[in-house]
C-alpha atoms as a PDB file:
ATOM      1  CA  MET A   1     150.219  72.370  84.892  1.00  0.00           C
ATOM      2  CA  SER A   2     146.674  72.391  83.553  1.00  0.00           C
ATOM      3  CA  ARG A   3     144.091  73.714  85.943  1.00  0.00           C
ATOM      4  CA  PHE A   4     141.747  70.999  84.671  1.00  0.00           C
ATOM      5  CA  LEU A   5     143.655  67.737  84.495  1.00  0.00           C
ATOM      6  CA  GLY A   6     147.146  68.006  85.894  1.00  0.00           C
ATOM      7  CA  PRO A   7     150.340  67.789  83.841  1.00  0.00           C
ATOM      8  CA  ILE A   8     150.496  67.313  80.097  1.00  0.00           C
ATOM      9  CA  ARG A   9     151.721  63.806  79.565  1.00  0.00           C
ATOM     10  CA  GLN A  10     151.817  63.466  75.769  1.00  0.00           C
ATOM     11  CA  LEU A  11     152.473  65.576  72.716  1.00  0.00           C
ATOM     12  CA  GLY A  12     150.746  64.202  69.608  1.00  0.00           C
ATOM     13  CA  PHE A  13     152.256  64.957  66.179  1.00  0.00           C
ATOM     14  CA  VAL A  14     150.418  64.258  62.924  1.00  0.00           C
ATOM     15  CA  VAL A  15     153.014  63.379  60.317  1.00  0.00           C
ATOM     16  CA  PRO A  16     152.932  62.680  56.580  1.00  0.00           C
ATOM     17  CA  ASP A  17     155.431  59.792  56.825  1.00  0.00           C
ATOM     18  CA  ILE A  18     155.705  57.995  60.165  1.00  0.00           C
ATOM     19  CA  GLU A  19     158.788  55.988  59.270  1.00  0.00           C
ATOM     20  CA  GLU A  20     160.684  59.186  58.339  1.00  0.00           C
ATOM     21  CA  ALA A  21     159.387  60.866  61.545  1.00  0.00           C
ATOM     22  CA  MET A  22     160.580  58.013  63.738  1.00  0.00           C
ATOM     23  CA  ASP A  23     163.984  58.197  62.100  1.00  0.00           C
ATOM     24  CA  HIS A  24     164.207  61.987  62.647  1.00  0.00           C
ATOM     25  CA  TRP A  25     163.065  61.842  66.296  1.00  0.00           C
ATOM     26  CA  SER A  26     165.361  58.981  67.213  1.00  0.00           C
ATOM     27  CA  ARG A  27     168.468  59.905  65.157  1.00  0.00           C
ATOM     28  CA  VAL A  28     168.311  63.768  65.270  1.00  0.00           C
ATOM     29  CA  MET A  29     166.380  64.433  68.485  1.00  0.00           C
ATOM     30  CA  GLY A  30     167.767  61.437  70.464  1.00  0.00           C
ATOM     31  CA  VAL A  31     164.230  60.318  71.536  1.00  0.00           C
ATOM     32  CA  GLY A  32     163.410  56.631  71.616  1.00  0.00           C
ATOM     33  CA  PRO A  33     162.974  53.873  71.393  1.00  0.00           C
ATOM     34  CA  PHE A  34     159.716  54.124  69.478  1.00  0.00           C
ATOM     35  CA  TYR A  35     157.077  51.429  69.919  1.00  0.00           C
ATOM     36  CA  TYR A  36     155.365  51.258  66.554  1.00  0.00           C
ATOM     37  CA  ASN A  37     151.914  49.940  65.692  1.00  0.00           C
ATOM     38  CA  PRO A  38     151.225  50.127  61.941  1.00  0.00           C
ATOM     39  CA  ALA A  39     147.479  49.423  62.399  1.00  0.00           C
ATOM     40  CA  VAL A  40     146.050  50.563  65.747  1.00  0.00           C
ATOM     41  CA  PRO A  41     142.844  48.678  66.579  1.00  0.00           C
ATOM     42  CA  ILE A  42     140.549  51.570  67.447  1.00  0.00           C
ATOM     43  CA  GLU A  43     137.051  50.518  68.642  1.00  0.00           C
ATOM     44  CA  ASP A  44     133.907  52.575  69.249  1.00  0.00           C
ATOM     45  CA  TYR A  45     135.323  55.398  67.165  1.00  0.00           C
ATOM     46  CA  LEU A  46     133.084  58.501  66.756  1.00  0.00           C
ATOM     47  CA  TYR A  47     133.744  61.729  64.952  1.00  0.00           C
ATOM     48  CA  ASP A  48     131.025  64.355  65.543  1.00  0.00           C
ATOM     49  CA  GLY A  49     128.836  61.551  66.889  1.00  0.00           C
ATOM     50  CA  VAL A  50     129.135  59.390  63.681  1.00  0.00           C
ATOM     51  CA  SER A  51     130.825  56.024  63.667  1.00  0.00           C
ATOM     52  CA  HIS A  52     133.772  55.402  61.303  1.00  0.00           C
ATOM     53  CA  GLN A  53     136.646  52.917  61.012  1.00  0.00           C
ATOM     54  CA  PRO A  54     139.931  54.830  61.049  1.00  0.00           C
ATOM     55  CA  GLN A  55     143.164  53.228  60.025  1.00  0.00           C
ATOM     56  CA  ASN A  56     146.058  54.963  61.739  1.00  0.00           C
ATOM     57  CA  SER A  57     149.683  54.080  62.417  1.00  0.00           C
ATOM     58  CA  VAL A  58     151.083  55.223  65.756  1.00  0.00           C
ATOM     59  CA  ALA A  59     154.574  55.318  67.245  1.00  0.00           C
ATOM     60  CA  LEU A  60     155.211  56.123  70.921  1.00  0.00           C
ATOM     61  CA  ALA A  61     158.393  57.059  72.798  1.00  0.00           C
ATOM     62  CA  ASN A  62     159.192  59.062  75.892  1.00  0.00           C
ATOM     63  CA  ALA A  63     161.438  62.120  76.246  1.00  0.00           C
ATOM     64  CA  GLY A  64     161.671  62.154  80.029  1.00  0.00           C
ATOM     65  CA  TYR A  65     158.219  62.538  81.556  1.00  0.00           C
ATOM     66  CA  ILE A  66     156.565  63.526  78.256  1.00  0.00           C
ATOM     67  CA  GLN A  67     155.439  60.922  75.735  1.00  0.00           C
ATOM     68  CA  VAL A  68     155.847  61.724  72.057  1.00  0.00           C
ATOM     69  CA  GLU A  69     153.141  60.263  69.818  1.00  0.00           C
ATOM     70  CA  LEU A  70     153.562  60.199  66.039  1.00  0.00           C
ATOM     71  CA  ILE A  71     150.376  59.571  64.028  1.00  0.00           C
ATOM     72  CA  GLN A  72     149.849  58.868  60.335  1.00  0.00           C
ATOM     73  CA  CYS A  73     146.376  58.391  58.937  1.00  0.00           C
ATOM     74  CA  ARG A  74     146.248  55.460  56.511  1.00  0.00           C
ATOM     75  CA  ASN A  75     142.703  56.095  55.249  1.00  0.00           C
ATOM     76  CA  ASP A  76     140.534  59.121  54.645  1.00  0.00           C
ATOM     77  CA  VAL A  77     137.719  58.796  57.226  1.00  0.00           C
ATOM     78  CA  PRO A  78     136.704  61.975  59.065  1.00  0.00           C
ATOM     79  CA  SER A  79     138.983  62.766  62.031  1.00  0.00           C
ATOM     80  CA  MET A  80     140.548  65.720  63.757  1.00  0.00           C
ATOM     81  CA  TYR A  81     143.858  64.514  62.335  1.00  0.00           C
ATOM     82  CA  LYS A  82     142.397  64.744  58.815  1.00  0.00           C
ATOM     83  CA  ASP A  83     141.002  68.208  59.576  1.00  0.00           C
ATOM     84  CA  PHE A  84     144.459  69.277  60.777  1.00  0.00           C
ATOM     85  CA  ARG A  85     146.130  67.998  57.588  1.00  0.00           C
ATOM     86  CA  GLU A  86     143.500  69.532  55.320  1.00  0.00           C
ATOM     87  CA  ALA A  87     144.095  72.921  57.000  1.00  0.00           C
ATOM     88  CA  GLY A  88     147.670  72.662  55.699  1.00  0.00           C
ATOM     89  CA  ASN A  89     149.207  71.623  58.994  1.00  0.00           C
ATOM     90  CA  TRP A  90     151.470  68.871  60.171  1.00  0.00           C
ATOM     91  CA  GLY A  91     153.344  68.585  63.447  1.00  0.00           C
ATOM     92  CA  LEU A  92     151.947  69.121  66.930  1.00  0.00           C
ATOM     93  CA  GLN A  93     148.211  68.510  66.787  1.00  0.00           C
ATOM     94  CA  HIS A  94     147.275  67.786  70.409  1.00  0.00           C
ATOM     95  CA  THR A  95     148.338  67.596  74.042  1.00  0.00           C
ATOM     96  CA  ALA A  96     147.089  64.738  76.129  1.00  0.00           C
ATOM     97  CA  TYR A  97     146.253  64.476  79.747  1.00  0.00           C
ATOM     98  CA  TRP A  98     146.179  60.982  81.277  1.00  0.00           C
ATOM     99  CA  THR A  99     143.604  59.825  83.804  1.00  0.00           C
ATOM    100  CA  GLN A 100     142.827  56.824  85.954  1.00  0.00           C
ATOM    101  CA  ASN A 101     139.277  58.178  86.421  1.00  0.00           C
ATOM    102  CA  TYR A 102     138.061  58.794  82.862  1.00  0.00           C
ATOM    103  CA  ASP A 103     134.333  59.287  83.639  1.00  0.00           C
ATOM    104  CA  ARG A 104     135.010  61.878  86.330  1.00  0.00           C
ATOM    105  CA  ASP A 105     137.489  63.839  84.238  1.00  0.00           C
ATOM    106  CA  LEU A 106     135.327  63.682  81.088  1.00  0.00           C
ATOM    107  CA  ALA A 107     132.417  65.090  83.052  1.00  0.00           C
ATOM    108  CA  ARG A 108     134.675  67.761  84.518  1.00  0.00           C
ATOM    109  CA  MET A 109     135.772  68.908  81.031  1.00  0.00           C
ATOM    110  CA  GLN A 110     132.200  68.907  79.772  1.00  0.00           C
ATOM    111  CA  ASP A 111     131.147  70.992  82.786  1.00  0.00           C
ATOM    112  CA  GLU A 112     133.776  73.529  81.716  1.00  0.00           C
ATOM    113  CA  GLY A 113     132.092  73.759  78.340  1.00  0.00           C
ATOM    114  CA  PHE A 114     134.307  71.421  76.307  1.00  0.00           C
ATOM    115  CA  ARG A 115     132.501  69.307  73.738  1.00  0.00           C
ATOM    116  CA  VAL A 116     133.844  65.915  72.637  1.00  0.00           C
ATOM    117  CA  ARG A 117     134.603  66.007  68.897  1.00  0.00           C
ATOM    118  CA  MET A 118     136.372  62.664  68.432  1.00  0.00           C
ATOM    119  CA  SER A 119     136.418  59.607  70.735  1.00  0.00           C
ATOM    120  CA  GLY A 120     137.106  55.899  70.821  1.00  0.00           C
ATOM    121  CA  ARG A 121     138.816  53.104  72.648  1.00  0.00           C
ATOM    122  CA  VAL A 122     142.000  51.076  72.294  1.00  0.00           C
ATOM    123  CA  GLY A 123     141.841  47.945  74.436  1.00  0.00           C
ATOM    124  CA  VAL A 124     139.894  47.464  77.630  1.00  0.00           C
ATOM    125  CA  ASP A 125     140.964  50.529  79.633  1.00  0.00           C
ATOM    126  CA  GLY A 126     141.950  52.815  76.817  1.00  0.00           C
ATOM    127  CA  ARG A 127     139.189  55.255  76.124  1.00  0.00           C
ATOM    128  CA  PHE A 128     140.077  58.662  74.683  1.00  0.00           C
ATOM    129  CA  ALA A 129     138.292  61.882  73.855  1.00  0.00           C
ATOM    130  CA  TYR A 130     139.420  64.883  71.873  1.00  0.00           C
ATOM    131  CA  PHE A 131     137.700  68.133  72.625  1.00  0.00           C
ATOM    132  CA  ASP A 132     136.586  70.767  70.125  1.00  0.00           C
ATOM    133  CA  ARG A 133     138.338  73.841  71.415  1.00  0.00           C
ATOM    134  CA  GLU A 134     141.326  74.650  69.266  1.00  0.00           C
ATOM    135  CA  THR A 135     142.460  78.237  69.073  1.00  0.00           C
ATOM    136  CA  HIS A 136     145.472  77.561  66.881  1.00  0.00           C
ATOM    137  CA  PRO A 137     147.177  74.436  65.519  1.00  0.00           C
ATOM    138  CA  GLY A 138     148.479  72.123  68.175  1.00  0.00           C
ATOM    139  CA  THR A 139     146.031  73.111  70.943  1.00  0.00           C
ATOM    140  CA  VAL A 140     143.531  70.280  70.784  1.00  0.00           C
ATOM    141  CA  ILE A 141     143.164  68.611  74.189  1.00  0.00           C
ATOM    142  CA  GLU A 142     142.952  64.836  74.473  1.00  0.00           C
ATOM    143  CA  LEU A 143     141.778  63.024  77.574  1.00  0.00           C
ATOM    144  CA  SER A 144     143.289  59.534  77.629  1.00  0.00           C
ATOM    145  CA  GLU A 145     142.379  56.732  80.032  1.00  0.00           C
ATOM    146  CA  VAL A 146     145.626  55.139  81.141  1.00  0.00           C
ATOM    147  CA  LYS A 147     145.156  52.096  83.295  1.00  0.00           C
ATOM    148  CA  GLY A 148     145.124  48.337  82.822  1.00  0.00           C
ATOM    149  CA  PRO A 149     147.086  47.093  79.802  1.00  0.00           C
ATOM    150  CA  LYS A 150     147.393  50.567  78.264  1.00  0.00           C
ATOM    151  CA  GLY A 151     148.864  51.868  81.488  1.00  0.00           C
ATOM    152  CA  LYS A 152     151.310  48.970  81.592  1.00  0.00           C
ATOM    153  CA  LEU A 153     152.305  49.675  77.945  1.00  0.00           C
ATOM    154  CA  PHE A 154     152.950  53.344  78.709  1.00  0.00           C
ATOM    155  CA  ASP A 155     155.047  52.327  81.782  1.00  0.00           C
ATOM    156  CA  LEU A 156     157.079  50.025  79.545  1.00  0.00           C
ATOM    157  CA  ILE A 157     157.638  52.762  76.976  1.00  0.00           C
ATOM    158  CA  ARG A 158     158.852  55.215  79.565  1.00  0.00           C
ATOM    159  CA  SER A 159     161.064  52.670  81.218  1.00  0.00           C
ATOM    160  CA  ALA A 160     162.700  51.686  77.891  1.00  0.00           C
ATOM    161  CA  SER A 161     163.523  55.347  77.226  1.00  0.00           C
ATOM    162  CA  GLU A 162     165.335  55.980  80.510  1.00  0.00           C
ATOM    163  CA  ASP A 163     168.627  54.380  79.613  1.00  0.00           C
ATOM    164  CA  TRP A 164     168.134  54.023  75.888  1.00  0.00           C
ATOM    165  CA  ASP A 165     171.466  53.851  74.073  1.00  0.00           C
ATOM    166  CA  GLY A 166     170.169  54.299  70.519  1.00  0.00           C
ATOM    167  CA  ALA A 167     169.911  50.579  69.765  1.00  0.00           C
ATOM    168  CA  GLU A 168     166.706  49.267  68.197  1.00  0.00           C
ATOM    169  CA  PRO A 169     165.137  52.683  67.651  1.00  0.00           C
ATOM    170  CA  VAL A 170     161.897  51.164  66.382  1.00  0.00           C
ATOM    171  CA  ARG A 171     160.276  48.251  68.194  1.00  0.00           C
ATOM    172  CA  PRO A 172     156.881  46.570  67.707  1.00  0.00           C
ATOM    173  CA  PHE A 173     153.988  47.205  70.082  1.00  0.00           C
ATOM    174  CA  PRO A 174     153.602  44.310  72.446  1.00  0.00           C
ATOM    175  CA  ASP A 175     150.286  42.473  72.550  1.00  0.00           C
ATOM    176  CA  LEU A 176     148.193  44.408  75.104  1.00  0.00           C
ATOM    177  CA  ALA A 177     146.565  41.161  76.153  1.00  0.00           C
ATOM    178  CA  THR A 178     149.892  39.917  77.511  1.00  0.00           C
ATOM    179  CA  LEU A 179     150.677  43.001  79.620  1.00  0.00           C
END
């Protein structure tokens, strides 16, 4: 368990083809079902303090307690995902810690010397920050606010995985406003 933020809750993989990755993870790895959003509505996105409009596709599934996130960039705006790809990498790009108290935990990480490199928001209670310390590929830390509709979505994803029989390996994201 992290001495900063508790247990790792998510492993984020940057992939060149998200449909192929979902097929591999569900068919070969037995992980699913994946909840797929081909165009994640990211708001207030900043990379190195500069605003951009990323276009990313994301698929989420749980393997027990750990959530697997698959990410494919659909445009070429600056991001840590793009940096990762341009360095010749694909696969595990970050580990995420989930929080109900985003402001407190963000301040705690900054007090430890971590600097926010990439940040934004998905929905009302879905802020996120990626920190700049990466010592080798796959060691970026993400702090993810998980409460409100985003928290309910993550609960739904985990619950769906518990007795998943392989049927409907890819499902659409529900509307966060209805959760």
